[in-house]
Amino acid sequence: MPLRQPLPSALPRLLSALLLGAGLVGGAPRPVAPASADEPVIDPDLARELEGEMQSDRAEEQARWEKLSAEWQKLSEDGTPKRLACLKSEDEISRLQGDVIPYRELTRDDFRARQMGEFHPVIAVPGGRPRAHVSVNVVCVGQPHTEALAPGRVVAEMQGLRYVALLDRDGSWWSPEPTPTPELWILRHEQGHFDLAELSARRLNREAADDGARIRGQGATAAAAVADFATRWAQHLTAAHQALEDLEDQYDRETAHGTIPKVQTRWFERIQRELAETRADTP
């Protein structure tokens, strides 16, 4: 995004160009074309040199901004978003590594991982082996923005902010081993994890407009403002991630991974009630 901040490094040479063009410094006065009282006269050769330097400054400033911006876009090296990572637009969701889908009702076909992968249960799994697990994320979508409010005062923030719950089907696994537990019951428990991610996204969306204005970075330069923002934004995302993780851990702990029917049913009813209550708030 183009910066609105002036380029202080070019100002001394701009002043020199004005003075040279007016014949006030640098030796004998130079003949200049008539100009209105409101129009400064700039030496043509020096003006071209100055413009080249200003373009170089803009390119360097843009490169610094993109580098700093990448630090708080927070995408992992393999292209898969970490939980509550940020994308520039929802179009980028389709380009993420893996078979990623937005929130909806799950089916058995959505569990496409061939191996169980990394799995750290909060309590021991009854029977000693998980029957299934899902890979869910909540990602934020927004546009980074900087603006110079005054000389030496630049702000950085995220605009157009919203949150989206996602599930990676390539990272979601279903045990091939036979189990006496009905498939629909297992699916119902795993759907609960995706439901909790969706609830987290909806709650975050309630506060998104305020968060975009409240979580601002400030500094004397664009780089300083972005660095300040990156720290504040990382704290916000870490807190949101932890809140979702704690809720999922509570869900697994109280239901014993879905193996206590009465408790699982209470959680199902609670989740459905809260989804209905937050539906009107969904953008």
C-alpha atoms as a PDB file:
ATOM      1  CA  MET A   1       0.000   0.000   0.000  1.00  0.00           C
ATOM      2  CA  PRO A   2       1.447   3.416  -0.911  1.00  0.00           C
ATOM      3  CA  LEU A   3       2.492   5.422   2.094  1.00  0.00           C
ATOM      4  CA  ARG A   4       1.116   8.876   2.747  1.00  0.00           C
ATOM      5  CA  GLN A   5       4.144   9.724   4.833  1.00  0.00           C
ATOM      6  CA  PRO A   6       6.464  12.449   3.387  1.00  0.00           C
ATOM      7  CA  LEU A   7       9.967  11.388   2.472  1.00  0.00           C
ATOM      8  CA  PRO A   8      12.183  13.531   4.713  1.00  0.00           C
ATOM      9  CA  SER A   9      15.403  12.424   3.024  1.00  0.00           C
ATOM     10  CA  ALA A  10      14.361  14.201  -0.182  1.00  0.00           C
ATOM     11  CA  LEU A  11      13.438  17.526   1.427  1.00  0.00           C
ATOM     12  CA  PRO A  12      16.972  19.052   1.635  1.00  0.00           C
ATOM     13  CA  ARG A  13      17.565  18.375  -2.061  1.00  0.00           C
ATOM     14  CA  LEU A  14      14.133  19.727  -2.916  1.00  0.00           C
ATOM     15  CA  LEU A  15      15.030  22.956  -1.116  1.00  0.00           C
ATOM     16  CA  SER A  16      18.339  23.084  -2.992  1.00  0.00           C
ATOM     17  CA  ALA A  17      16.510  22.651  -6.276  1.00  0.00           C
ATOM     18  CA  LEU A  18      14.201  25.529  -5.484  1.00  0.00           C
ATOM     19  CA  LEU A  19      17.083  27.822  -4.495  1.00  0.00           C
ATOM     20  CA  LEU A  20      19.253  26.870  -7.474  1.00  0.00           C
ATOM     21  CA  GLY A  21      16.366  27.297  -9.858  1.00  0.00           C
ATOM     22  CA  ALA A  22      15.762  30.774  -8.459  1.00  0.00           C
ATOM     23  CA  GLY A  23      19.447  31.667  -8.833  1.00  0.00           C
ATOM     24  CA  LEU A  24      19.876  32.275  -5.088  1.00  0.00           C
ATOM     25  CA  VAL A  25      22.728  29.817  -4.433  1.00  0.00           C
ATOM     26  CA  GLY A  26      25.410  28.049  -6.420  1.00  0.00           C
ATOM     27  CA  GLY A  27      27.198  30.824  -8.308  1.00  0.00           C
ATOM     28  CA  ALA A  28      25.922  33.095 -11.061  1.00  0.00           C
ATOM     29  CA  PRO A  29      22.175  33.529 -11.408  1.00  0.00           C
ATOM     30  CA  ARG A  30      20.600  31.278 -14.007  1.00  0.00           C
ATOM     31  CA  PRO A  31      18.063  32.507 -16.525  1.00  0.00           C
ATOM     32  CA  VAL A  32      14.669  31.097 -15.707  1.00  0.00           C
ATOM     33  CA  ALA A  33      11.301  31.148 -17.427  1.00  0.00           C
ATOM     34  CA  PRO A  34       8.728  33.538 -16.002  1.00  0.00           C
ATOM     35  CA  ALA A  35       6.548  31.989 -13.327  1.00  0.00           C
ATOM     36  CA  SER A  36       3.622  33.063 -11.253  1.00  0.00           C
ATOM     37  CA  ALA A  37       4.214  34.281  -7.725  1.00  0.00           C
ATOM     38  CA  ASP A  38       2.718  31.064  -6.378  1.00  0.00           C
ATOM     39  CA  GLU A  39       4.794  28.702  -8.497  1.00  0.00           C
ATOM     40  CA  PRO A  40       8.343  27.749  -7.369  1.00  0.00           C
ATOM     41  CA  VAL A  41      11.013  27.465 -10.053  1.00  0.00           C
ATOM     42  CA  ILE A  42      13.096  24.290 -10.040  1.00  0.00           C
ATOM     43  CA  ASP A  43      16.304  23.664 -11.958  1.00  0.00           C
ATOM     44  CA  PRO A  44      15.293  21.049 -14.613  1.00  0.00           C
ATOM     45  CA  ASP A  45      18.441  18.892 -14.369  1.00  0.00           C
ATOM     46  CA  LEU A  46      18.370  18.799 -10.609  1.00  0.00           C
ATOM     47  CA  ALA A  47      14.623  18.164 -10.635  1.00  0.00           C
ATOM     48  CA  ARG A  48      15.108  15.041 -12.769  1.00  0.00           C
ATOM     49  CA  GLU A  49      17.854  13.828 -10.456  1.00  0.00           C
ATOM     50  CA  LEU A  50      15.661  14.531  -7.454  1.00  0.00           C
ATOM     51  CA  GLU A  51      12.699  12.645  -8.929  1.00  0.00           C
ATOM     52  CA  GLY A  52      14.895   9.591  -9.473  1.00  0.00           C
ATOM     53  CA  GLU A  53      16.029   9.695  -5.855  1.00  0.00           C
ATOM     54  CA  MET A  54      12.457  10.082  -4.623  1.00  0.00           C
ATOM     55  CA  GLN A  55      11.351   7.079  -6.676  1.00  0.00           C
ATOM     56  CA  SER A  56      14.199   5.074  -5.179  1.00  0.00           C
ATOM     57  CA  ASP A  57      13.133   6.204  -1.696  1.00  0.00           C
ATOM     58  CA  ARG A  58       9.556   5.144  -2.398  1.00  0.00           C
ATOM     59  CA  ALA A  59      10.691   1.719  -3.609  1.00  0.00           C
ATOM     60  CA  GLU A  60      12.868   1.223  -0.531  1.00  0.00           C
ATOM     61  CA  GLU A  61      10.075   2.358   1.789  1.00  0.00           C
ATOM     62  CA  GLN A  62       7.608   0.013   0.067  1.00  0.00           C
ATOM     63  CA  ALA A  63      10.081  -2.874   0.345  1.00  0.00           C
ATOM     64  CA  ARG A  64      10.529  -2.175   4.071  1.00  0.00           C
ATOM     65  CA  TRP A  65       6.761  -2.048   4.506  1.00  0.00           C
ATOM     66  CA  GLU A  66       6.241  -5.349   2.686  1.00  0.00           C
ATOM     67  CA  LYS A  67       8.957  -7.033   4.756  1.00  0.00           C
ATOM     68  CA  LEU A  68       7.473  -5.813   8.011  1.00  0.00           C
ATOM     69  CA  SER A  69       3.965  -6.588   6.829  1.00  0.00           C
ATOM     70  CA  ALA A  70       4.999 -10.171   6.118  1.00  0.00           C
ATOM     71  CA  GLU A  71       6.149 -10.549   9.704  1.00  0.00           C
ATOM     72  CA  TRP A  72       2.653 -10.019  11.009  1.00  0.00           C
ATOM     73  CA  GLN A  73       0.827 -11.815   8.245  1.00  0.00           C
ATOM     74  CA  LYS A  74       2.091 -14.828  10.216  1.00  0.00           C
ATOM     75  CA  LEU A  75       1.912 -17.570   7.599  1.00  0.00           C
ATOM     76  CA  SER A  76       3.976 -20.639   8.338  1.00  0.00           C
ATOM     77  CA  GLU A  77       6.762 -21.691   5.993  1.00  0.00           C
ATOM     78  CA  ASP A  78       4.745 -24.372   4.223  1.00  0.00           C
ATOM     79  CA  GLY A  79       1.902 -21.985   3.394  1.00  0.00           C
ATOM     80  CA  THR A  80      -0.539 -23.395   5.930  1.00  0.00           C
ATOM     81  CA  PRO A  81      -1.865 -20.677   8.237  1.00  0.00           C
ATOM     82  CA  LYS A  82      -1.167 -20.898  11.899  1.00  0.00           C
ATOM     83  CA  ARG A  83      -4.233 -20.513  14.048  1.00  0.00           C
ATOM     84  CA  LEU A  84      -5.606 -17.001  13.773  1.00  0.00           C
ATOM     85  CA  ALA A  85      -3.139 -16.056  11.083  1.00  0.00           C
ATOM     86  CA  CYS A  86      -3.996 -13.153   8.766  1.00  0.00           C
ATOM     87  CA  LEU A  87      -4.746 -13.214   5.054  1.00  0.00           C
ATOM     88  CA  LYS A  88      -5.069 -10.176   2.818  1.00  0.00           C
ATOM     89  CA  SER A  89      -8.355 -11.367   1.302  1.00  0.00           C
ATOM     90  CA  GLU A  90     -10.721 -14.330   1.432  1.00  0.00           C
ATOM     91  CA  ASP A  91      -9.568 -15.206  -2.107  1.00  0.00           C
ATOM     92  CA  GLU A  92      -6.310 -16.389  -0.533  1.00  0.00           C
ATOM     93  CA  ILE A  93      -8.163 -19.132   1.365  1.00  0.00           C
ATOM     94  CA  SER A  94      -8.505 -21.204  -1.799  1.00  0.00           C
ATOM     95  CA  ARG A  95      -4.736 -20.980  -2.359  1.00  0.00           C
ATOM     96  CA  LEU A  96      -3.757 -22.278   1.070  1.00  0.00           C
ATOM     97  CA  GLN A  97      -1.937 -25.589   1.213  1.00  0.00           C
ATOM     98  CA  GLY A  98      -4.263 -28.449   2.061  1.00  0.00           C
ATOM     99  CA  ASP A  99      -7.902 -29.099   1.277  1.00  0.00           C
ATOM    100  CA  VAL A 100      -9.390 -26.200   3.235  1.00  0.00           C
ATOM    101  CA  ILE A 101     -13.136 -25.616   3.592  1.00  0.00           C
ATOM    102  CA  PRO A 102     -15.147 -22.884   5.336  1.00  0.00           C
ATOM    103  CA  TYR A 103     -17.573 -23.662   8.131  1.00  0.00           C
ATOM    104  CA  ARG A 104     -20.371 -26.114   7.357  1.00  0.00           C
ATOM    105  CA  GLU A 105     -21.748 -29.468   8.505  1.00  0.00           C
ATOM    106  CA  LEU A 106     -19.132 -32.215   8.226  1.00  0.00           C
ATOM    107  CA  THR A 107     -19.428 -35.612   6.569  1.00  0.00           C
ATOM    108  CA  ARG A 108     -17.312 -38.731   6.851  1.00  0.00           C
ATOM    109  CA  ASP A 109     -15.673 -37.820   3.536  1.00  0.00           C
ATOM    110  CA  ASP A 110     -14.149 -34.688   5.111  1.00  0.00           C
ATOM    111  CA  PHE A 111     -11.594 -36.812   7.002  1.00  0.00           C
ATOM    112  CA  ARG A 112      -8.932 -37.350   4.336  1.00  0.00           C
ATOM    113  CA  ALA A 113      -5.638 -37.617   6.229  1.00  0.00           C
ATOM    114  CA  ARG A 114      -4.045 -41.036   5.732  1.00  0.00           C
ATOM    115  CA  GLN A 115      -2.207 -40.952   9.049  1.00  0.00           C
ATOM    116  CA  MET A 116      -3.225 -39.711  12.462  1.00  0.00           C
ATOM    117  CA  GLY A 117      -0.431 -37.148  12.555  1.00  0.00           C
ATOM    118  CA  GLU A 118       0.476 -35.096  15.619  1.00  0.00           C
ATOM    119  CA  PHE A 119      -2.160 -35.399  18.324  1.00  0.00           C
ATOM    120  CA  HIS A 120      -1.881 -34.377  21.991  1.00  0.00           C
ATOM    121  CA  PRO A 121      -5.073 -35.240  23.897  1.00  0.00           C
ATOM    122  CA  VAL A 122      -5.821 -33.180  27.019  1.00  0.00           C
ATOM    123  CA  ILE A 123      -6.881 -36.367  28.821  1.00  0.00           C
ATOM    124  CA  ALA A 124      -6.318 -40.054  28.080  1.00  0.00           C
ATOM    125  CA  VAL A 125      -8.424 -41.289  25.187  1.00  0.00           C
ATOM    126  CA  PRO A 126     -10.769 -44.116  26.268  1.00  0.00           C
ATOM    127  CA  GLY A 127      -9.477 -47.316  24.697  1.00  0.00           C
ATOM    128  CA  GLY A 128      -6.045 -45.754  24.235  1.00  0.00           C
ATOM    129  CA  ARG A 129      -6.453 -44.668  20.614  1.00  0.00           C
ATOM    130  CA  PRO A 130      -8.331 -41.721  19.116  1.00  0.00           C
ATOM    131  CA  ARG A 131     -11.189 -42.519  16.772  1.00  0.00           C
ATOM    132  CA  ALA A 132     -10.923 -39.284  14.814  1.00  0.00           C
ATOM    133  CA  HIS A 133      -9.650 -35.726  15.009  1.00  0.00           C
ATOM    134  CA  VAL A 134     -10.136 -32.539  13.015  1.00  0.00           C
ATOM    135  CA  SER A 135      -7.728 -29.790  12.006  1.00  0.00           C
ATOM    136  CA  VAL A 136      -9.578 -26.499  12.537  1.00  0.00           C
ATOM    137  CA  ASN A 137      -8.359 -22.917  12.293  1.00  0.00           C
ATOM    138  CA  VAL A 138      -9.711 -19.426  12.672  1.00  0.00           C
ATOM    139  CA  VAL A 139      -7.999 -16.969  10.339  1.00  0.00           C
ATOM    140  CA  CYS A 140      -8.339 -13.224  10.156  1.00  0.00           C
ATOM    141  CA  VAL A 141      -8.709 -11.365   6.891  1.00  0.00           C
ATOM    142  CA  GLY A 142      -7.758  -7.706   6.634  1.00  0.00           C
ATOM    143  CA  GLN A 143      -5.756  -5.054   4.836  1.00  0.00           C
ATOM    144  CA  PRO A 144      -2.672  -3.544   6.491  1.00  0.00           C
ATOM    145  CA  HIS A 145      -2.701   0.250   6.454  1.00  0.00           C
ATOM    146  CA  THR A 146      -0.346   3.059   7.479  1.00  0.00           C
ATOM    147  CA  GLU A 147      -1.060   6.760   7.590  1.00  0.00           C
ATOM    148  CA  ALA A 148       0.912   9.830   8.622  1.00  0.00           C
ATOM    149  CA  LEU A 149      -1.320  11.862  10.958  1.00  0.00           C
ATOM    150  CA  ALA A 150       1.296  14.567  11.447  1.00  0.00           C
ATOM    151  CA  PRO A 151       5.026  15.049  10.862  1.00  0.00           C
ATOM    152  CA  GLY A 152       6.785  12.388  12.893  1.00  0.00           C
ATOM    153  CA  ARG A 153       3.546  10.609  13.831  1.00  0.00           C
ATOM    154  CA  VAL A 154       2.560   7.555  11.782  1.00  0.00           C
ATOM    155  CA  VAL A 155      -0.074   4.944  12.677  1.00  0.00           C
ATOM    156  CA  ALA A 156      -0.389   1.336  11.456  1.00  0.00           C
ATOM    157  CA  GLU A 157      -3.566  -0.713  11.717  1.00  0.00           C
ATOM    158  CA  MET A 158      -5.638  -3.467  10.110  1.00  0.00           C
ATOM    159  CA  GLN A 159      -8.660  -2.383   8.085  1.00  0.00           C
ATOM    160  CA  GLY A 160     -11.645  -4.385   6.818  1.00  0.00           C
ATOM    161  CA  LEU A 161     -11.054  -6.947   9.548  1.00  0.00           C
ATOM    162  CA  ARG A 162     -13.084 -10.160   9.809  1.00  0.00           C
ATOM    163  CA  TYR A 163     -12.507 -13.712  11.033  1.00  0.00           C
ATOM    164  CA  VAL A 164     -13.280 -17.013   9.277  1.00  0.00           C
ATOM    165  CA  ALA A 165     -13.421 -20.577  10.661  1.00  0.00           C
ATOM    166  CA  LEU A 166     -11.724 -23.175   8.444  1.00  0.00           C
ATOM    167  CA  LEU A 167     -11.118 -26.917   8.449  1.00  0.00           C
ATOM    168  CA  ASP A 168      -8.281 -28.671   6.635  1.00  0.00           C
ATOM    169  CA  ARG A 169      -9.615 -31.964   5.295  1.00  0.00           C
ATOM    170  CA  ASP A 170      -6.105 -33.193   4.492  1.00  0.00           C
ATOM    171  CA  GLY A 171      -5.247 -32.759   8.169  1.00  0.00           C
ATOM    172  CA  SER A 172      -8.438 -34.351   9.539  1.00  0.00           C
ATOM    173  CA  TRP A 173      -8.170 -38.064  10.296  1.00  0.00           C
ATOM    174  CA  TRP A 174     -10.551 -40.977  10.903  1.00  0.00           C
ATOM    175  CA  SER A 175      -9.302 -44.217  12.422  1.00  0.00           C
ATOM    176  CA  PRO A 176      -9.530 -47.208  10.051  1.00  0.00           C
ATOM    177  CA  GLU A 177      -9.845 -49.538  13.046  1.00  0.00           C
ATOM    178  CA  PRO A 178     -13.324 -50.879  13.842  1.00  0.00           C
ATOM    179  CA  THR A 179     -15.084 -49.396  16.856  1.00  0.00           C
ATOM    180  CA  PRO A 180     -18.418 -50.124  18.556  1.00  0.00           C
ATOM    181  CA  THR A 181     -19.136 -46.382  18.719  1.00  0.00           C
ATOM    182  CA  PRO A 182     -21.606 -45.342  15.994  1.00  0.00           C
ATOM    183  CA  GLU A 183     -20.053 -43.314  13.189  1.00  0.00           C
ATOM    184  CA  LEU A 184     -22.655 -40.565  13.579  1.00  0.00           C
ATOM    185  CA  TRP A 185     -21.708 -40.133  17.241  1.00  0.00           C
ATOM    186  CA  ILE A 186     -18.019 -39.755  16.404  1.00  0.00           C
ATOM    187  CA  LEU A 187     -18.897 -37.296  13.660  1.00  0.00           C
ATOM    188  CA  ARG A 188     -21.104 -35.355  16.052  1.00  0.00           C
ATOM    189  CA  HIS A 189     -18.215 -34.873  18.492  1.00  0.00           C
ATOM    190  CA  GLU A 190     -15.788 -33.765  15.771  1.00  0.00           C
ATOM    191  CA  GLN A 191     -18.425 -31.401  14.365  1.00  0.00           C
ATOM    192  CA  GLY A 192     -18.432 -29.826  17.826  1.00  0.00           C
ATOM    193  CA  HIS A 193     -14.801 -28.765  17.384  1.00  0.00           C
ATOM    194  CA  PHE A 194     -15.615 -27.062  14.078  1.00  0.00           C
ATOM    195  CA  ASP A 195     -18.673 -25.464  15.714  1.00  0.00           C
ATOM    196  CA  LEU A 196     -16.485 -24.043  18.483  1.00  0.00           C
ATOM    197  CA  ALA A 197     -14.109 -22.572  15.902  1.00  0.00           C
ATOM    198  CA  GLU A 198     -17.077 -20.957  14.157  1.00  0.00           C
ATOM    199  CA  LEU A 199     -18.359 -19.565  17.462  1.00  0.00           C
ATOM    200  CA  SER A 200     -14.901 -18.140  18.123  1.00  0.00           C
ATOM    201  CA  ALA A 201     -14.890 -16.467  14.694  1.00  0.00           C
ATOM    202  CA  ARG A 202     -18.349 -14.976  15.260  1.00  0.00           C
ATOM    203  CA  ARG A 203     -17.409 -13.597  18.662  1.00  0.00           C
ATOM    204  CA  LEU A 204     -14.260 -12.068  17.232  1.00  0.00           C
ATOM    205  CA  ASN A 205     -16.277 -10.556  14.379  1.00  0.00           C
ATOM    206  CA  ARG A 206     -18.481  -8.801  16.939  1.00  0.00           C
ATOM    207  CA  GLU A 207     -15.409  -6.894  18.095  1.00  0.00           C
ATOM    208  CA  ALA A 208     -13.630  -6.665  14.734  1.00  0.00           C
ATOM    209  CA  ALA A 209     -14.460  -3.023  14.005  1.00  0.00           C
ATOM    210  CA  ASP A 210     -13.364  -1.953  17.481  1.00  0.00           C
ATOM    211  CA  ASP A 211     -10.242  -4.113  17.311  1.00  0.00           C
ATOM    212  CA  GLY A 212      -9.206  -2.544  14.014  1.00  0.00           C
ATOM    213  CA  ALA A 213      -9.349   0.930  15.547  1.00  0.00           C
ATOM    214  CA  ARG A 214      -8.149  -0.039  19.041  1.00  0.00           C
ATOM    215  CA  ILE A 215      -5.125  -2.137  18.123  1.00  0.00           C
ATOM    216  CA  ARG A 216      -2.932   0.476  16.485  1.00  0.00           C
ATOM    217  CA  GLY A 217       0.792   0.877  16.222  1.00  0.00           C
ATOM    218  CA  GLN A 218       2.413   4.303  16.380  1.00  0.00           C
ATOM    219  CA  GLY A 219       5.854   5.606  15.585  1.00  0.00           C
ATOM    220  CA  ALA A 220       7.872   8.412  14.080  1.00  0.00           C
ATOM    221  CA  THR A 221       8.192   6.445  10.817  1.00  0.00           C
ATOM    222  CA  ALA A 222       6.120   3.853   8.983  1.00  0.00           C
ATOM    223  CA  ALA A 223       8.618   1.135   9.935  1.00  0.00           C
ATOM    224  CA  ALA A 224       8.398   2.048  13.618  1.00  0.00           C
ATOM    225  CA  ALA A 225       4.597   2.149  13.506  1.00  0.00           C
ATOM    226  CA  VAL A 226       4.378  -1.274  11.838  1.00  0.00           C
ATOM    227  CA  ALA A 227       6.834  -2.779  14.327  1.00  0.00           C
ATOM    228  CA  ASP A 228       4.742  -1.411  17.214  1.00  0.00           C
ATOM    229  CA  PHE A 229       1.571  -2.715  15.599  1.00  0.00           C
ATOM    230  CA  ALA A 230       3.099  -6.165  15.033  1.00  0.00           C
ATOM    231  CA  THR A 231       3.741  -6.520  18.760  1.00  0.00           C
ATOM    232  CA  ARG A 232       0.228  -5.444  19.731  1.00  0.00           C
ATOM    233  CA  TRP A 233      -1.400  -7.584  17.048  1.00  0.00           C
ATOM    234  CA  ALA A 234       0.580 -10.676  18.023  1.00  0.00           C
ATOM    235  CA  GLN A 235      -0.638 -10.264  21.608  1.00  0.00           C
ATOM    236  CA  HIS A 236      -4.234  -9.994  20.394  1.00  0.00           C
ATOM    237  CA  LEU A 237      -3.988 -13.077  18.193  1.00  0.00           C
ATOM    238  CA  THR A 238      -2.237 -15.083  20.888  1.00  0.00           C
ATOM    239  CA  ALA A 239      -5.016 -14.287  23.372  1.00  0.00           C
ATOM    240  CA  ALA A 240      -7.717 -15.204  20.837  1.00  0.00           C
ATOM    241  CA  HIS A 241      -5.920 -18.440  19.938  1.00  0.00           C
ATOM    242  CA  GLN A 242      -5.560 -19.364  23.590  1.00  0.00           C
ATOM    243  CA  ALA A 243      -9.255 -18.712  24.264  1.00  0.00           C
ATOM    244  CA  LEU A 244     -10.262 -21.108  21.472  1.00  0.00           C
ATOM    245  CA  GLU A 245      -7.736 -23.726  22.560  1.00  0.00           C
ATOM    246  CA  ASP A 246      -8.953 -23.552  26.156  1.00  0.00           C
ATOM    247  CA  LEU A 247     -12.553 -23.985  25.028  1.00  0.00           C
ATOM    248  CA  GLU A 248     -11.694 -27.011  22.886  1.00  0.00           C
ATOM    249  CA  ASP A 249      -9.704 -28.548  25.747  1.00  0.00           C
ATOM    250  CA  GLN A 250     -12.667 -28.059  28.081  1.00  0.00           C
ATOM    251  CA  TYR A 251     -14.933 -29.708  25.503  1.00  0.00           C
ATOM    252  CA  ASP A 252     -12.669 -32.766  25.182  1.00  0.00           C
ATOM    253  CA  ARG A 253     -12.039 -32.991  28.916  1.00  0.00           C
ATOM    254  CA  GLU A 254     -15.698 -32.836  29.981  1.00  0.00           C
ATOM    255  CA  THR A 255     -16.948 -35.175  27.265  1.00  0.00           C
ATOM    256  CA  ALA A 256     -13.898 -37.508  27.499  1.00  0.00           C
ATOM    257  CA  HIS A 257     -13.488 -37.065  23.743  1.00  0.00           C
ATOM    258  CA  GLY A 258     -17.187 -37.659  23.176  1.00  0.00           C
ATOM    259  CA  THR A 259     -17.438 -40.912  25.115  1.00  0.00           C
ATOM    260  CA  ILE A 260     -19.803 -39.653  27.862  1.00  0.00           C
ATOM    261  CA  PRO A 261     -23.197 -39.467  26.123  1.00  0.00           C
ATOM    262  CA  LYS A 262     -25.029 -37.233  28.611  1.00  0.00           C
ATOM    263  CA  VAL A 263     -22.228 -34.677  28.766  1.00  0.00           C
ATOM    264  CA  GLN A 264     -21.723 -34.750  24.991  1.00  0.00           C
ATOM    265  CA  THR A 265     -25.457 -34.126  24.520  1.00  0.00           C
ATOM    266  CA  ARG A 266     -25.351 -31.118  26.883  1.00  0.00           C
ATOM    267  CA  TRP A 267     -22.431 -29.682  24.944  1.00  0.00           C
ATOM    268  CA  PHE A 268     -24.245 -30.283  21.672  1.00  0.00           C
ATOM    269  CA  GLU A 269     -27.303 -28.405  22.958  1.00  0.00           C
ATOM    270  CA  ARG A 270     -25.155 -25.565  24.305  1.00  0.00           C
ATOM    271  CA  ILE A 271     -23.267 -25.179  21.027  1.00  0.00           C
ATOM    272  CA  GLN A 272     -26.447 -25.202  18.940  1.00  0.00           C
ATOM    273  CA  ARG A 273     -28.010 -22.584  21.194  1.00  0.00           C
ATOM    274  CA  GLU A 274     -24.987 -20.285  20.968  1.00  0.00           C
ATOM    275  CA  LEU A 275     -24.735 -20.723  17.193  1.00  0.00           C
ATOM    276  CA  ALA A 276     -28.396 -19.687  16.892  1.00  0.00           C
ATOM    277  CA  GLU A 277     -27.817 -16.670  19.145  1.00  0.00           C
ATOM    278  CA  THR A 278     -24.831 -15.447  17.145  1.00  0.00           C
ATOM    279  CA  ARG A 279     -26.232 -16.112  13.666  1.00  0.00           C
ATOM    280  CA  ALA A 280     -27.633 -12.598  13.400  1.00  0.00           C
ATOM    281  CA  ASP A 281     -24.185 -11.152  14.143  1.00  0.00           C
ATOM    282  CA  THR A 282     -22.498 -13.034  11.307  1.00  0.00           C
ATOM    283  CA  PRO A 283     -21.466 -10.641   8.488  1.00  0.00           C
END
